[in-house]
């Protein structure tokens, strides 16, 4: 009920579930499958996080489960090769703002254009909905990610102190304007 009230109050309309049709893609001449993430993928999503974050999982099973169930305004995609998830991205969508919630690429597949591909896909999706802006948070120490986001047009925003609970690292808020608001 509160969600419906918030959407009405913010002049947002209730939307049907975001649709996504699985597709075969080629990156660097290698075949991949891009499809919507499901709850059946939870173990693999957590495993990708463990590999990316030195054995830890910034998001736990409950967080992922809650996100994957929000099919009307949230989209999580997985990139698969040889029946194994090697990357994923998640995004929330409203008419005012889209927000990248999570992006992870297996270390063996990093620096191959996969993160850029997934971000570009979500940028296009945000523009089509259309959202006025796309935002995300990134660890202040994550120079490769900040470099990628800046190359995609994101602008540095404010610093969120002690944003990451596990180690109290600060986050840099970044913003990509998608359209001008009236």
C-alpha atoms as a PDB file:
ATOM      1  CA  UNK A   1       0.000   0.000   0.000  1.00  0.00           C
ATOM      2  CA  UNK A   2       2.773   2.474   0.881  1.00  0.00           C
ATOM      3  CA  UNK A   3       4.465   1.818  -2.445  1.00  0.00           C
ATOM      4  CA  UNK A   4       1.243   2.618  -4.317  1.00  0.00           C
ATOM      5  CA  UNK A   5       0.804   5.775  -2.243  1.00  0.00           C
ATOM      6  CA  UNK A   6       4.422   6.838  -2.856  1.00  0.00           C
ATOM      7  CA  UNK A   7       4.026   6.239  -6.577  1.00  0.00           C
ATOM      8  CA  UNK A   8       0.777   8.204  -6.677  1.00  0.00           C
ATOM      9  CA  UNK A   9       2.268  11.027  -4.590  1.00  0.00           C
ATOM     10  CA  UNK A  10       5.376  11.220  -6.783  1.00  0.00           C
ATOM     11  CA  UNK A  11       3.191  11.030  -9.919  1.00  0.00           C
ATOM     12  CA  UNK A  12       4.657   7.675 -10.889  1.00  0.00           C
ATOM     13  CA  UNK A  13       2.469   5.096 -12.533  1.00  0.00           C
ATOM     14  CA  UNK A  14       2.299   1.447 -11.568  1.00  0.00           C
ATOM     15  CA  UNK A  15       4.127  -0.464 -14.228  1.00  0.00           C
ATOM     16  CA  UNK A  16       3.923  -4.069 -15.317  1.00  0.00           C
ATOM     17  CA  UNK A  17       6.980  -6.204 -14.661  1.00  0.00           C
ATOM     18  CA  UNK A  18      10.001  -5.090 -16.634  1.00  0.00           C
ATOM     19  CA  UNK A  19      10.362  -7.562 -19.437  1.00  0.00           C
ATOM     20  CA  UNK A  20      13.600  -8.970 -20.729  1.00  0.00           C
ATOM     21  CA  UNK A  21      14.112 -11.671 -23.317  1.00  0.00           C
ATOM     22  CA  UNK A  22      17.248 -13.760 -23.015  1.00  0.00           C
ATOM     23  CA  UNK A  23      19.665 -13.141 -25.848  1.00  0.00           C
ATOM     24  CA  UNK A  24      22.853 -14.542 -27.267  1.00  0.00           C
ATOM     25  CA  UNK A  25      25.594 -11.944 -27.606  1.00  0.00           C
ATOM     26  CA  UNK A  26      29.226 -11.843 -28.677  1.00  0.00           C
ATOM     27  CA  UNK A  27      31.861  -9.912 -26.769  1.00  0.00           C
ATOM     28  CA  UNK A  28      35.416  -9.968 -28.014  1.00  0.00           C
ATOM     29  CA  UNK A  29      34.438 -12.718 -30.430  1.00  0.00           C
ATOM     30  CA  UNK A  30      33.262 -14.979 -27.596  1.00  0.00           C
ATOM     31  CA  UNK A  31      29.631 -16.135 -27.196  1.00  0.00           C
ATOM     32  CA  UNK A  32      27.647 -15.291 -24.064  1.00  0.00           C
ATOM     33  CA  UNK A  33      24.037 -15.496 -22.934  1.00  0.00           C
ATOM     34  CA  UNK A  34      22.455 -12.442 -21.315  1.00  0.00           C
ATOM     35  CA  UNK A  35      19.302 -13.182 -19.326  1.00  0.00           C
ATOM     36  CA  UNK A  36      17.298 -12.017 -16.359  1.00  0.00           C
ATOM     37  CA  UNK A  37      18.605 -13.250 -13.005  1.00  0.00           C
ATOM     38  CA  UNK A  38      16.327 -15.501 -10.954  1.00  0.00           C
ATOM     39  CA  UNK A  39      16.313 -16.799  -7.408  1.00  0.00           C
ATOM     40  CA  UNK A  40      17.788 -20.047  -8.771  1.00  0.00           C
ATOM     41  CA  UNK A  41      20.952 -18.010  -9.489  1.00  0.00           C
ATOM     42  CA  UNK A  42      21.523 -16.939  -5.878  1.00  0.00           C
ATOM     43  CA  UNK A  43      24.409 -19.310  -5.138  1.00  0.00           C
ATOM     44  CA  UNK A  44      26.255 -18.254  -8.288  1.00  0.00           C
ATOM     45  CA  UNK A  45      25.627 -14.535  -7.653  1.00  0.00           C
ATOM     46  CA  UNK A  46      27.112 -14.901  -4.178  1.00  0.00           C
ATOM     47  CA  UNK A  47      30.056 -16.855  -5.621  1.00  0.00           C
ATOM     48  CA  UNK A  48      30.808 -14.083  -8.134  1.00  0.00           C
ATOM     49  CA  UNK A  49      30.784 -11.602  -5.243  1.00  0.00           C
ATOM     50  CA  UNK A  50      33.174 -13.781  -3.216  1.00  0.00           C
ATOM     51  CA  UNK A  51      35.600 -13.836  -6.121  1.00  0.00           C
ATOM     52  CA  UNK A  52      35.350 -10.073  -6.649  1.00  0.00           C
ATOM     53  CA  UNK A  53      35.506  -9.030  -3.003  1.00  0.00           C
ATOM     54  CA  UNK A  54      38.293 -11.155  -1.490  1.00  0.00           C
ATOM     55  CA  UNK A  55      36.066 -13.886  -0.110  1.00  0.00           C
ATOM     56  CA  UNK A  56      33.319 -11.648   1.242  1.00  0.00           C
ATOM     57  CA  UNK A  57      29.810 -11.013  -0.038  1.00  0.00           C
ATOM     58  CA  UNK A  58      28.779  -7.358   0.313  1.00  0.00           C
ATOM     59  CA  UNK A  59      25.217  -8.456  -0.430  1.00  0.00           C
ATOM     60  CA  UNK A  60      23.834 -11.444   1.428  1.00  0.00           C
ATOM     61  CA  UNK A  61      21.309 -14.015   0.187  1.00  0.00           C
ATOM     62  CA  UNK A  62      18.378 -12.110   1.709  1.00  0.00           C
ATOM     63  CA  UNK A  63      19.353  -8.851  -0.014  1.00  0.00           C
ATOM     64  CA  UNK A  64      19.601 -10.561  -3.399  1.00  0.00           C
ATOM     65  CA  UNK A  65      16.337 -12.440  -2.852  1.00  0.00           C
ATOM     66  CA  UNK A  66      14.498  -9.220  -2.016  1.00  0.00           C
ATOM     67  CA  UNK A  67      15.902  -7.479  -5.081  1.00  0.00           C
ATOM     68  CA  UNK A  68      15.095 -10.319  -7.483  1.00  0.00           C
ATOM     69  CA  UNK A  69      11.467 -10.331  -6.331  1.00  0.00           C
ATOM     70  CA  UNK A  70      10.945  -6.652  -7.271  1.00  0.00           C
ATOM     71  CA  UNK A  71      10.094  -7.394 -10.894  1.00  0.00           C
ATOM     72  CA  UNK A  72       8.096  -4.207 -11.592  1.00  0.00           C
ATOM     73  CA  UNK A  73      10.866  -1.680 -11.054  1.00  0.00           C
ATOM     74  CA  UNK A  74      14.070  -3.682 -10.716  1.00  0.00           C
ATOM     75  CA  UNK A  75      16.054  -5.594 -13.299  1.00  0.00           C
ATOM     76  CA  UNK A  76      18.973  -7.912 -12.624  1.00  0.00           C
ATOM     77  CA  UNK A  77      20.809  -9.428 -15.559  1.00  0.00           C
ATOM     78  CA  UNK A  78      23.387 -12.206 -15.602  1.00  0.00           C
ATOM     79  CA  UNK A  79      26.009 -12.876 -18.250  1.00  0.00           C
ATOM     80  CA  UNK A  80      26.688 -16.571 -18.785  1.00  0.00           C
ATOM     81  CA  UNK A  81      29.356 -18.566 -20.570  1.00  0.00           C
ATOM     82  CA  UNK A  82      29.686 -22.360 -20.505  1.00  0.00           C
ATOM     83  CA  UNK A  83      26.627 -22.555 -18.181  1.00  0.00           C
ATOM     84  CA  UNK A  84      28.372 -20.382 -15.572  1.00  0.00           C
ATOM     85  CA  UNK A  85      27.455 -16.867 -14.466  1.00  0.00           C
ATOM     86  CA  UNK A  86      30.513 -14.686 -14.899  1.00  0.00           C
ATOM     87  CA  UNK A  87      28.957 -11.236 -14.369  1.00  0.00           C
ATOM     88  CA  UNK A  88      25.782  -9.530 -13.220  1.00  0.00           C
ATOM     89  CA  UNK A  89      24.243  -6.088 -12.953  1.00  0.00           C
ATOM     90  CA  UNK A  90      21.186  -4.764 -11.120  1.00  0.00           C
ATOM     91  CA  UNK A  91      19.225  -1.553 -11.514  1.00  0.00           C
ATOM     92  CA  UNK A  92      16.155   0.128  -9.999  1.00  0.00           C
ATOM     93  CA  UNK A  93      13.973   2.213 -12.317  1.00  0.00           C
ATOM     94  CA  UNK A  94      11.547   5.074 -11.715  1.00  0.00           C
ATOM     95  CA  UNK A  95      10.484   7.901 -13.995  1.00  0.00           C
ATOM     96  CA  UNK A  96      12.716  10.271 -12.025  1.00  0.00           C
ATOM     97  CA  UNK A  97      15.813   8.174 -11.510  1.00  0.00           C
ATOM     98  CA  UNK A  98      17.418   4.870 -12.327  1.00  0.00           C
ATOM     99  CA  UNK A  99      19.991   3.515  -9.902  1.00  0.00           C
ATOM    100  CA  UNK A 100      22.662   0.866 -10.469  1.00  0.00           C
ATOM    101  CA  UNK A 101      22.557  -1.268  -7.345  1.00  0.00           C
ATOM    102  CA  UNK A 102      25.229  -3.802  -8.102  1.00  0.00           C
ATOM    103  CA  UNK A 103      27.746  -4.748 -10.777  1.00  0.00           C
ATOM    104  CA  UNK A 104      30.262  -7.567 -10.539  1.00  0.00           C
ATOM    105  CA  UNK A 105      32.476  -9.314 -13.086  1.00  0.00           C
ATOM    106  CA  UNK A 106      34.505 -12.428 -12.289  1.00  0.00           C
ATOM    107  CA  UNK A 107      38.183 -11.433 -11.972  1.00  0.00           C
ATOM    108  CA  UNK A 108      39.221 -13.742 -14.838  1.00  0.00           C
ATOM    109  CA  UNK A 109      36.841 -11.810 -17.146  1.00  0.00           C
ATOM    110  CA  UNK A 110      37.644  -8.272 -15.997  1.00  0.00           C
ATOM    111  CA  UNK A 111      39.213  -5.764 -18.408  1.00  0.00           C
ATOM    112  CA  UNK A 112      37.502  -7.460 -21.371  1.00  0.00           C
ATOM    113  CA  UNK A 113      34.683  -4.928 -21.879  1.00  0.00           C
ATOM    114  CA  UNK A 114      32.053  -6.880 -19.918  1.00  0.00           C
ATOM    115  CA  UNK A 115      31.466  -4.214 -17.266  1.00  0.00           C
ATOM    116  CA  UNK A 116      31.246  -1.545 -19.971  1.00  0.00           C
ATOM    117  CA  UNK A 117      28.781  -3.686 -21.963  1.00  0.00           C
ATOM    118  CA  UNK A 118      26.509  -4.231 -18.933  1.00  0.00           C
ATOM    119  CA  UNK A 119      26.634  -0.555 -17.930  1.00  0.00           C
ATOM    120  CA  UNK A 120      25.893   0.578 -21.492  1.00  0.00           C
ATOM    121  CA  UNK A 121      22.929  -1.788 -21.622  1.00  0.00           C
ATOM    122  CA  UNK A 122      21.483  -0.337 -18.384  1.00  0.00           C
ATOM    123  CA  UNK A 123      22.109   3.223 -19.566  1.00  0.00           C
ATOM    124  CA  UNK A 124      20.067   2.521 -22.715  1.00  0.00           C
ATOM    125  CA  UNK A 125      17.317   0.846 -20.659  1.00  0.00           C
ATOM    126  CA  UNK A 126      17.180   3.885 -18.354  1.00  0.00           C
ATOM    127  CA  UNK A 127      16.908   6.227 -21.331  1.00  0.00           C
ATOM    128  CA  UNK A 128      14.060   4.202 -22.843  1.00  0.00           C
ATOM    129  CA  UNK A 129      11.898   4.169 -19.692  1.00  0.00           C
ATOM    130  CA  UNK A 130      12.718   7.224 -19.539  1.00  0.00           C
ATOM    131  CA  UNK A 131      14.517   8.233 -16.360  1.00  0.00           C
ATOM    132  CA  UNK A 132      15.959  11.710 -15.919  1.00  0.00           C
ATOM    133  CA  UNK A 133      19.221  10.423 -14.461  1.00  0.00           C
ATOM    134  CA  UNK A 134      21.167   7.295 -13.616  1.00  0.00           C
ATOM    135  CA  UNK A 135      23.026   7.109 -10.310  1.00  0.00           C
ATOM    136  CA  UNK A 136      25.322   4.711  -8.494  1.00  0.00           C
ATOM    137  CA  UNK A 137      27.691   4.498  -5.563  1.00  0.00           C
ATOM    138  CA  UNK A 138      31.263   3.240  -5.868  1.00  0.00           C
ATOM    139  CA  UNK A 139      33.964   2.652  -3.278  1.00  0.00           C
ATOM    140  CA  UNK A 140      36.299   5.649  -3.173  1.00  0.00           C
ATOM    141  CA  UNK A 141      39.206   3.199  -3.495  1.00  0.00           C
ATOM    142  CA  UNK A 142      37.850   1.491  -6.642  1.00  0.00           C
ATOM    143  CA  UNK A 143      39.828   3.428  -9.242  1.00  0.00           C
ATOM    144  CA  UNK A 144      39.122   1.056 -12.189  1.00  0.00           C
ATOM    145  CA  UNK A 145      35.356   1.330 -11.665  1.00  0.00           C
ATOM    146  CA  UNK A 146      35.455   5.116 -11.239  1.00  0.00           C
ATOM    147  CA  UNK A 147      37.499   5.367 -14.445  1.00  0.00           C
ATOM    148  CA  UNK A 148      34.929   3.285 -16.362  1.00  0.00           C
ATOM    149  CA  UNK A 149      31.980   5.283 -15.023  1.00  0.00           C
ATOM    150  CA  UNK A 150      33.630   8.595 -15.890  1.00  0.00           C
ATOM    151  CA  UNK A 151      34.367   7.360 -19.432  1.00  0.00           C
ATOM    152  CA  UNK A 152      30.640   6.546 -19.725  1.00  0.00           C
ATOM    153  CA  UNK A 153      29.775  10.145 -18.777  1.00  0.00           C
ATOM    154  CA  UNK A 154      29.083   9.848 -15.053  1.00  0.00           C
ATOM    155  CA  UNK A 155      29.897  12.881 -12.935  1.00  0.00           C
ATOM    156  CA  UNK A 156      31.311  12.791  -9.416  1.00  0.00           C
ATOM    157  CA  UNK A 157      28.845  13.682  -6.705  1.00  0.00           C
ATOM    158  CA  UNK A 158      29.029  13.800  -2.961  1.00  0.00           C
ATOM    159  CA  UNK A 159      30.938  11.427  -0.698  1.00  0.00           C
ATOM    160  CA  UNK A 160      28.831   9.144   1.501  1.00  0.00           C
ATOM    161  CA  UNK A 161      30.865   8.629   4.675  1.00  0.00           C
ATOM    162  CA  UNK A 162      31.224   5.053   5.988  1.00  0.00           C
ATOM    163  CA  UNK A 163      28.719   3.857   3.373  1.00  0.00           C
ATOM    164  CA  UNK A 164      30.020   0.287   3.225  1.00  0.00           C
ATOM    165  CA  UNK A 165      29.073  -1.393   6.482  1.00  0.00           C
ATOM    166  CA  UNK A 166      31.651  -4.209   6.501  1.00  0.00           C
ATOM    167  CA  UNK A 167      34.684  -1.907   6.478  1.00  0.00           C
ATOM    168  CA  UNK A 168      33.204   1.609   6.815  1.00  0.00           C
ATOM    169  CA  UNK A 169      34.737   2.714   3.514  1.00  0.00           C
ATOM    170  CA  UNK A 170      33.310   5.853   1.971  1.00  0.00           C
ATOM    171  CA  UNK A 171      31.364   5.784  -1.277  1.00  0.00           C
ATOM    172  CA  UNK A 172      31.420   8.259  -4.123  1.00  0.00           C
ATOM    173  CA  UNK A 173      27.959   9.022  -5.464  1.00  0.00           C
ATOM    174  CA  UNK A 174      28.032   9.360  -9.265  1.00  0.00           C
ATOM    175  CA  UNK A 175      25.376  10.702 -11.629  1.00  0.00           C
ATOM    176  CA  UNK A 176      24.718  10.473 -15.348  1.00  0.00           C
ATOM    177  CA  UNK A 177      22.103  12.980 -16.610  1.00  0.00           C
ATOM    178  CA  UNK A 178      19.839  11.264 -19.150  1.00  0.00           C
ATOM    179  CA  UNK A 179      17.408  14.025 -20.076  1.00  0.00           C
ATOM    180  CA  UNK A 180      16.538  17.512 -19.001  1.00  0.00           C
ATOM    181  CA  UNK A 181      13.566  17.852 -16.704  1.00  0.00           C
ATOM    182  CA  UNK A 182      10.918  20.487 -17.428  1.00  0.00           C
END
